[in-house]
Protein backbone atom coordinates (compact mmCIF):
# COMPACT_ATOMS: atom_id res chain seq x y z
CA MET A 1 357.15 67.06 202.08
CA THR A 2 358.14 70.94 202.77
CA LEU A 3 358.28 72.90 205.75
CA THR A 4 355.00 73.79 207.16
CA PRO A 5 354.40 77.42 208.15
CA SER A 6 353.39 76.45 211.75
CA SER A 7 356.93 74.93 212.36
CA ASP A 8 357.90 76.35 216.13
CA LEU A 9 360.42 73.69 216.82
CA ILE A 10 363.64 74.29 215.93
CA SER A 11 366.73 71.68 215.26
CA ILE A 12 370.06 70.87 213.91
CA ASP A 13 371.06 67.73 211.78
CA LEU A 14 374.81 66.23 212.17
CA PHE A 15 376.20 63.67 209.90
CA ALA A 16 373.28 64.81 207.61
CA GLY A 17 373.92 63.04 204.36
CA ALA A 18 371.55 64.42 201.60
CA GLY A 19 368.84 65.25 204.16
CA GLY A 20 366.34 62.38 204.56
CA LEU A 21 366.23 62.89 207.96
CA SER A 22 365.81 66.68 207.84
CA GLU A 23 363.17 66.32 205.36
CA GLY A 24 361.05 64.29 207.43
CA LEU A 25 361.61 66.17 210.76
CA GLU A 26 360.71 69.24 208.72
CA GLU A 27 357.24 67.82 207.54
CA ALA A 28 356.83 66.98 211.51
CA GLY A 29 357.25 70.66 212.36
CA PHE A 30 360.93 71.03 213.07
CA HIS A 31 362.90 74.11 211.26
CA THR A 32 366.33 72.86 210.48
CA LEU A 33 368.87 75.76 211.24
CA PHE A 34 372.09 74.22 210.63
CA ALA A 35 373.57 70.93 208.94
CA SER A 36 376.99 69.14 209.32
CA GLU A 37 378.20 67.03 206.03
CA ILE A 38 381.57 66.11 205.25
CA VAL A 39 381.16 64.65 201.77
CA PRO A 40 380.65 67.98 199.52
CA GLN A 41 378.49 66.16 197.12
CA TYR A 42 375.98 65.23 199.87
CA ALA A 43 376.01 68.50 201.37
CA GLU A 44 375.24 70.09 198.00
CA THR A 45 372.13 67.89 197.56
CA TYR A 46 371.33 68.83 201.36
CA ALA A 47 371.77 72.60 200.59
CA ARG A 48 369.71 72.55 197.28
CA ASN A 49 366.75 70.85 199.18
CA HIS A 50 367.09 72.83 202.44
CA PRO A 51 368.09 76.47 201.25
CA SER A 52 366.94 78.05 204.85
CA ALA A 53 369.72 75.74 206.74
CA LYS A 54 373.13 76.89 207.31
CA VAL A 55 375.33 73.73 205.69
CA CYS A 56 379.00 73.15 207.15
CA VAL A 57 380.77 71.24 204.75
CA GLU A 58 383.77 70.26 206.87
CA ASP A 59 385.27 67.52 209.07
CA ILE A 60 383.24 68.02 212.07
CA ARG A 61 386.03 67.37 214.19
CA LYS A 62 387.51 70.70 213.16
CA THR A 63 384.27 72.70 213.84
CA ASP A 64 383.75 74.63 217.12
CA PRO A 65 379.98 73.58 218.30
CA GLU A 66 380.08 76.58 220.78
CA ARG A 67 380.97 79.09 217.80
CA VAL A 68 378.19 77.52 215.63
CA ARG A 69 375.53 78.18 218.40
CA ARG A 70 376.48 81.76 218.83
CA GLU A 71 376.35 82.55 214.88
CA LEU A 72 372.80 80.87 215.21
CA GLY A 73 371.84 83.19 217.66
CA LEU A 74 371.04 80.65 220.15
CA GLU A 75 371.44 80.57 223.99
CA LYS A 76 372.07 77.19 225.77
CA GLY A 77 369.08 75.31 226.14
CA GLN A 78 367.04 76.87 223.49
CA LEU A 79 367.47 74.60 220.83
CA ASP A 80 364.54 71.95 220.77
CA LEU A 81 366.23 68.92 219.13
CA VAL A 82 369.92 67.77 218.15
CA ALA A 83 369.38 65.10 215.54
CA GLY A 84 371.71 62.93 213.63
CA GLY A 85 373.37 59.64 212.50
CA PRO A 86 376.78 59.60 214.08
CA PRO A 87 378.80 56.24 213.53
CA CYS A 88 378.51 54.85 216.91
CA GLN A 89 380.04 51.32 216.88
CA GLY A 90 383.44 52.41 218.00
CA PHE A 91 382.16 53.92 221.08
CA SER A 92 382.94 52.27 224.54
CA ILE A 93 384.11 53.58 227.67
CA ASN A 94 384.96 50.03 228.47
CA ALA A 95 387.48 49.79 225.88
CA PRO A 96 390.07 52.39 226.32
CA VAL A 97 392.56 51.29 223.66
CA ARG A 98 389.81 50.37 220.98
CA SER A 99 388.23 53.91 222.12
CA ASN A 100 391.53 55.67 221.13
CA GLU A 101 392.15 54.24 217.98
CA ASP A 102 388.90 53.80 216.36
CA PRO A 103 387.97 57.01 214.39
CA ARG A 104 384.45 56.26 214.78
CA ASN A 105 384.52 56.52 218.41
CA HIS A 106 385.49 60.15 217.84
CA LEU A 107 382.90 60.73 215.58
CA PHE A 108 380.45 59.80 218.31
CA ARG A 109 381.95 62.26 220.62
CA GLU A 110 381.40 64.92 218.21
CA TYR A 111 377.80 64.71 218.55
CA LEU A 112 378.17 64.56 222.18
CA ARG A 113 380.05 67.87 222.02
CA TYR A 114 377.19 69.46 219.90
CA VAL A 115 374.74 68.20 222.71
CA ASP A 116 377.04 69.43 225.59
CA ALA A 117 377.37 73.13 223.73
CA PHE A 118 373.57 73.50 222.84
CA GLN A 119 371.88 71.49 225.54
CA PRO A 120 369.04 71.00 223.71
CA ARG A 121 365.58 69.91 224.89
CA ALA A 122 365.75 66.43 222.73
CA ILE A 123 368.18 64.36 221.06
CA LEU A 124 367.56 61.87 218.23
CA ILE A 125 370.21 59.35 217.13
CA GLU A 126 369.69 57.08 214.13
CA ASN A 127 371.73 53.95 213.64
CA VAL A 128 371.47 50.30 212.27
CA PRO A 129 369.82 47.58 214.20
CA GLY A 130 373.30 45.75 214.74
CA LEU A 131 374.29 48.69 217.19
CA VAL A 132 372.22 47.02 219.79
CA SER A 133 374.07 43.84 219.80
CA PHE A 134 377.46 45.19 219.25
CA GLU A 135 379.94 44.32 221.88
CA HIS A 136 376.88 42.34 223.72
CA GLY A 137 374.99 45.52 224.23
CA GLY A 138 378.18 47.40 225.59
CA THR A 139 378.32 49.97 223.09
CA LEU A 140 374.80 51.02 223.58
CA HIS A 141 375.09 51.13 227.39
CA ALA A 142 377.94 53.02 227.04
CA ILE A 143 376.02 55.61 224.62
CA LEU A 144 372.96 55.87 226.86
CA ASP A 145 375.56 56.33 229.97
CA ALA A 146 377.22 59.02 227.88
CA LEU A 147 373.90 60.81 227.31
CA ALA A 148 372.97 60.72 231.12
CA ASP A 149 376.33 62.20 232.04
CA LEU A 150 375.02 65.20 229.77
CA GLY A 151 371.59 65.20 231.72
CA TYR A 152 369.60 63.33 229.24
CA GLY A 153 367.12 60.50 230.23
CA ALA A 154 367.67 58.43 227.07
CA ASP A 155 365.82 54.80 225.64
CA VAL A 156 366.23 52.95 222.42
CA HIS A 157 363.83 51.10 220.00
CA ILE A 158 364.05 49.59 216.54
CA LEU A 159 361.47 50.69 213.96
CA GLY A 160 360.46 48.97 210.85
CA ALA A 161 360.36 51.45 208.08
CA PRO A 162 357.28 49.49 206.42
CA TYR A 163 355.28 49.97 209.40
CA TYR A 164 355.32 53.25 208.86
CA GLY A 165 354.45 53.37 204.98
CA VAL A 166 357.73 53.20 203.52
CA PRO A 167 357.53 50.47 200.91
CA GLN A 168 360.85 48.71 201.60
CA MET A 169 362.06 46.21 204.04
CA ARG A 170 364.37 48.61 206.25
CA TRP A 171 365.08 48.87 209.91
CA ARG A 172 366.65 51.64 212.15
CA THR A 173 367.83 51.81 215.54
CA ILE A 174 366.25 55.11 217.11
CA ILE A 175 367.75 56.71 220.13
CA LEU A 176 365.66 59.38 221.83
CA GLY A 177 366.21 61.58 224.93
CA LEU A 178 364.71 64.62 227.02
CA ARG A 179 367.15 66.73 228.68
CA GLY A 180 366.34 66.53 232.64
CA ALA A 181 363.66 64.02 232.34
CA VAL A 182 362.98 60.45 231.19
CA ILE A 183 361.68 59.93 227.77
CA PRO A 184 358.09 58.51 227.76
CA GLN A 185 357.62 55.56 225.47
CA SER A 186 355.01 57.80 223.56
CA ALA A 187 357.86 59.48 221.98
CA TRP A 188 358.26 56.43 219.54
CA PRO A 189 355.71 56.17 217.13
CA GLU A 190 353.28 53.37 217.00
CA PRO A 191 353.20 51.49 213.77
CA THR A 192 350.42 52.13 211.54
CA ARG A 193 350.58 49.67 208.80
CA HIS A 194 350.99 45.78 208.95
CA ALA A 195 353.86 44.12 206.60
CA PRO A 196 355.30 41.03 205.82
CA VAL A 197 358.95 41.60 207.21
CA ARG A 198 360.78 39.55 210.07
CA ALA A 199 363.62 40.99 212.08
CA ASN A 200 366.91 39.06 211.47
CA PHE A 201 369.05 40.76 214.13
CA THR A 202 368.74 41.04 218.47
CA THR A 203 365.36 42.46 219.27
CA THR A 204 365.83 42.90 222.98
CA PHE A 205 367.98 44.79 225.13
CA ASP A 206 368.61 44.53 228.83
CA GLY A 207 365.81 41.88 228.87
CA ARG A 208 363.11 43.71 227.26
CA GLN A 209 361.69 43.89 223.45
CA ILE A 210 362.50 47.05 221.92
CA VAL A 211 361.23 46.37 218.19
CA LYS A 212 357.92 48.28 217.76
CA GLN A 213 355.34 45.69 216.35
CA PRO A 214 351.78 46.89 214.79
CA SER A 215 348.98 45.97 217.30
CA PRO A 216 346.33 43.42 216.21
CA GLU A 217 344.02 45.98 215.76
CA THR A 218 346.61 47.50 212.91
CA ASP A 219 344.98 46.65 209.69
CA ALA A 220 346.40 48.87 206.96
CA PRO A 221 348.29 47.35 204.51
CA PHE A 222 352.00 48.54 203.67
CA THR A 223 352.57 50.21 200.63
CA THR A 224 353.58 48.31 197.73
CA LEU A 225 356.26 48.58 194.87
CA ARG A 226 353.49 49.29 192.60
CA GLU A 227 351.94 52.06 194.60
CA ALA A 228 355.67 53.53 195.16
CA ILE A 229 356.89 53.69 191.65
CA GLY A 230 354.19 52.36 189.13
CA ASP A 231 353.39 55.82 187.81
CA LEU A 232 356.86 56.68 186.67
CA PRO A 233 357.74 56.72 182.91
CA SER A 234 359.12 53.84 181.30
CA LEU A 235 362.50 53.46 180.11
CA GLN A 236 364.89 51.18 178.11
CA ASN A 237 368.14 49.92 179.46
CA GLY A 238 370.76 53.01 179.84
CA GLU A 239 367.89 55.32 178.59
CA ARG A 240 368.30 58.85 179.91
CA GLY A 241 365.87 61.14 178.24
CA GLU A 242 364.90 64.62 179.27
CA ALA A 243 366.08 65.99 182.71
CA VAL A 244 362.52 66.35 183.54
CA LYS A 245 360.09 64.05 182.42
CA GLU A 246 356.38 64.10 182.25
CA TYR A 247 354.42 61.74 184.37
CA PRO A 248 352.58 59.33 182.04
CA VAL A 249 349.60 58.94 184.18
CA ARG A 250 347.71 60.56 187.08
CA PRO A 251 348.47 59.54 190.50
CA GLN A 252 347.09 56.27 191.30
CA CYS A 253 347.14 56.14 194.93
CA ASP A 254 347.75 58.45 198.12
CA TYR A 255 351.38 57.53 198.24
CA GLN A 256 352.05 58.81 194.74
CA ARG A 257 349.79 61.79 195.30
CA ALA A 258 351.76 62.87 198.28
CA LEU A 259 355.16 62.42 196.77
CA ARG A 260 354.33 64.49 193.67
CA ARG A 261 353.24 67.42 195.91
CA GLY A 262 355.08 70.12 194.72
CA SER A 263 356.93 68.41 191.74
CA ILE A 264 357.48 70.25 188.55
CA GLY A 265 358.02 66.90 186.86
CA VAL A 266 360.05 63.32 187.15
CA LEU A 267 363.78 64.10 187.96
CA ASN A 268 367.01 61.79 188.34
CA HIS A 269 364.91 59.21 186.18
CA GLU A 270 367.50 58.08 183.97
CA ALA A 271 368.21 54.07 183.54
CA PRO A 272 371.61 52.93 184.35
CA ARG A 273 373.47 50.92 181.47
CA LEU A 274 373.20 47.39 182.23
CA SER A 275 375.97 45.15 180.88
CA ALA A 276 375.34 42.57 177.97
CA VAL A 277 375.68 39.57 180.53
CA ASN A 278 373.13 41.07 182.91
CA MET A 279 370.67 41.82 180.12
CA GLN A 280 371.18 38.28 179.35
CA ARG A 281 370.52 37.14 182.82
CA LEU A 282 367.63 39.29 183.29
CA ASN A 283 365.68 37.41 180.41
CA TYR A 284 365.57 34.33 182.80
CA ILE A 285 364.08 36.26 185.63
CA GLN A 286 360.27 36.83 186.13
CA GLN A 287 358.72 38.85 188.95
CA GLY A 288 359.64 37.28 192.39
CA GLY A 289 362.65 35.40 190.86
CA ASN A 290 366.36 35.77 191.47
CA TRP A 291 369.83 34.43 190.49
CA THR A 292 368.73 31.15 190.91
CA ASP A 293 366.73 31.06 187.59
CA ILE A 294 369.80 32.11 185.74
CA PRO A 295 371.71 29.35 183.79
CA ASP A 296 374.73 28.33 185.73
CA GLU A 297 376.98 29.21 182.73
CA LEU A 298 375.72 32.88 183.00
CA LEU A 299 376.17 33.26 186.51
CA PRO A 300 379.46 35.05 188.18
CA LYS A 301 381.99 32.39 188.73
CA GLY A 302 381.64 32.81 192.61
CA MET A 303 377.91 31.85 192.37
CA ARG A 304 377.88 28.88 190.51
CA LYS A 305 378.59 26.35 193.47
CA ALA A 306 376.39 28.71 196.06
CA ARG A 307 373.57 27.05 197.83
CA LYS A 308 370.14 27.67 196.18
CA SER A 309 368.88 29.26 199.38
CA ASP A 310 371.73 31.93 199.85
CA HIS A 311 372.02 35.43 198.15
CA THR A 312 368.16 35.12 197.50
CA LYS A 313 368.05 38.94 196.84
CA ARG A 314 370.80 38.86 194.37
CA TYR A 315 369.74 39.24 190.80
CA GLY A 316 366.28 39.53 192.02
CA ARG A 317 363.21 41.07 190.09
CA PRO A 318 360.74 42.22 192.75
CA MET A 319 356.66 41.71 192.87
CA TRP A 320 354.75 44.57 191.85
CA ASP A 321 352.43 43.67 195.00
CA GLY A 322 354.94 43.34 197.40
CA LEU A 323 357.74 45.43 199.45
CA SER A 324 361.06 46.52 197.72
CA SER A 325 364.20 45.09 199.46
CA THR A 326 366.49 47.66 201.28
CA ILE A 327 367.89 50.19 199.15
CA LEU A 328 371.59 50.06 199.29
CA THR A 329 374.03 52.61 198.13
CA LYS A 330 374.12 50.97 194.59
CA CYS A 331 371.26 49.42 192.94
CA ASP A 332 373.61 47.01 191.43
CA PRO A 333 371.64 43.56 190.49
CA HIS A 334 374.61 41.60 192.04
CA TRP A 335 374.11 42.89 195.47
CA GLY A 336 370.27 43.00 195.64
CA ALA A 337 366.75 42.82 193.99
CA PHE A 338 367.20 45.95 191.94
CA PHE A 339 365.58 44.72 188.52
CA HIS A 340 362.66 46.59 187.46
CA PRO A 341 359.47 44.62 188.08
CA ASP A 342 358.38 44.28 184.20
CA GLN A 343 360.91 46.55 182.43
CA ASN A 344 364.30 44.97 181.40
CA ARG A 345 366.46 47.24 183.51
CA ALA A 346 367.69 48.39 186.86
CA PHE A 347 365.98 50.99 189.16
CA THR A 348 366.53 54.52 188.50
CA VAL A 349 367.94 57.06 191.14
CA ARG A 350 364.29 58.29 191.21
CA GLU A 351 362.67 54.85 191.75
CA ALA A 352 365.21 54.30 194.56
CA ALA A 353 364.24 57.77 195.82
CA ARG A 354 360.40 56.85 195.78
CA ILE A 355 361.03 53.64 197.51
CA GLN A 356 363.18 55.38 200.31
CA SER A 357 359.99 57.86 200.51
CA PHE A 358 361.65 60.99 199.06
CA PRO A 359 359.20 63.40 197.50
CA ASP A 360 359.72 64.00 193.76
CA HIS A 361 360.52 67.82 194.04
CA TYR A 362 363.79 66.43 195.92
CA VAL A 363 366.69 66.78 193.49
CA PHE A 364 370.01 64.73 194.13
CA THR A 365 373.13 66.31 192.57
CA GLY A 366 376.37 64.82 191.42
CA SER A 367 376.97 61.92 189.08
CA GLN A 368 374.68 58.81 188.91
CA ALA A 369 376.98 56.81 191.25
CA GLU A 370 376.67 59.57 193.73
CA GLN A 371 372.90 60.13 193.93
CA TYR A 372 372.54 56.52 194.22
CA ALA A 373 374.94 56.42 197.28
CA GLN A 374 373.08 59.53 198.28
CA VAL A 375 369.42 57.75 198.54
CA GLY A 376 371.00 54.37 199.72
CA ASN A 377 372.72 56.20 202.74
CA ALA A 378 369.49 58.30 203.72
CA VAL A 379 367.02 57.98 206.34
CA PRO A 380 363.42 57.38 204.77
CA PRO A 381 361.94 60.65 205.34
CA LEU A 382 358.45 58.95 206.12
CA LEU A 383 360.04 57.04 209.06
CA ALA A 384 361.70 60.65 210.04
CA LEU A 385 358.24 62.19 209.95
CA ALA A 386 356.59 59.52 212.12
CA VAL A 387 359.52 59.63 214.60
CA GLY A 388 359.19 63.62 214.64
CA THR A 389 355.52 63.91 214.85
CA SER A 390 355.59 61.78 218.12
CA LEU A 391 358.64 63.59 219.33
CA SER A 392 356.96 66.93 218.73
CA ALA A 393 354.12 66.12 220.77
CA VAL A 394 356.21 65.15 223.87
CA LEU A 395 357.80 68.55 223.69
CA LYS A 396 354.63 70.57 223.16
CA GLU A 397 353.46 68.76 226.31
CA ALA A 398 356.42 69.35 228.33
């Protein structure tokens, strides 16, 4: 995914992380001028992959959004989009004591400060699905009210990443708003694929369904794990190899062709070293299996009395023709299905990035642990592309 020459919309990205949201938005035609990210290693990765953006590596509470706007040469109202994933769960106008004590609240207020300073045409906020039910919906109401006070007609939907081609079970809450207008429902992308996923969270807000579901006519299949990573080089447990590896085969599907575009080879593809006991456990797990296949004497003590119906993703080896489970900040088999389908090792950073829909030219910097965290915390670029494309169409019609 690269910035298209026809980009004519401009945006900034707050709480930008390693840049997954910006990557998808840029493919949709938004040119990111500025990004704010407090973690230096995340910011380094962002800057490496988005060289035209000014990256601010500082506590956002110490920044002056008016100064940032002037340095970017923008007048109020000239920016098209303020995007970002601010922590929202501490924000509530109905809980003043908590409001003063919870630092997450202040971080969301920083997002509002930038909206006030730039007065963009549109806003985009992404968060976890649990935001909808937090404080029985009070936090989400407070967010929408705060945006309304700044002149934005905002609304919310929960989007399933596999419905847009991302090969994993991942859900995100997306808030969109327009300055001086009600955001139309067309601003949220319609699902383009079906997928075997079910919501395990609150799916209604103010009595209405807010999860975007595929229509009965949607017959395109989801992207499988094989399509996501099946063309990458084989590795042994703990094998590092060359920093840039050759592809062992030609791309086998559209997903692989798209993510290889612009790549010089396979980067960030080094197998973490599993412990001896994890390698023993792995010998008992076939595709589709999990911790329940491991003999009791090899299980961690805390899991030996667990019910077989619990923790079904732990020590899992996913199916080639299924979806990956949600990529976390650690591809640690103890926490999820992160064993490779047929190689005796865990997922590499590149495989996690492929499952998140990052293109192969996207370079992750820092230690291996830092790279996993950057990938796991990111918005899948393909999901961001879908949202950016539909929002772009709304802005161009306005």
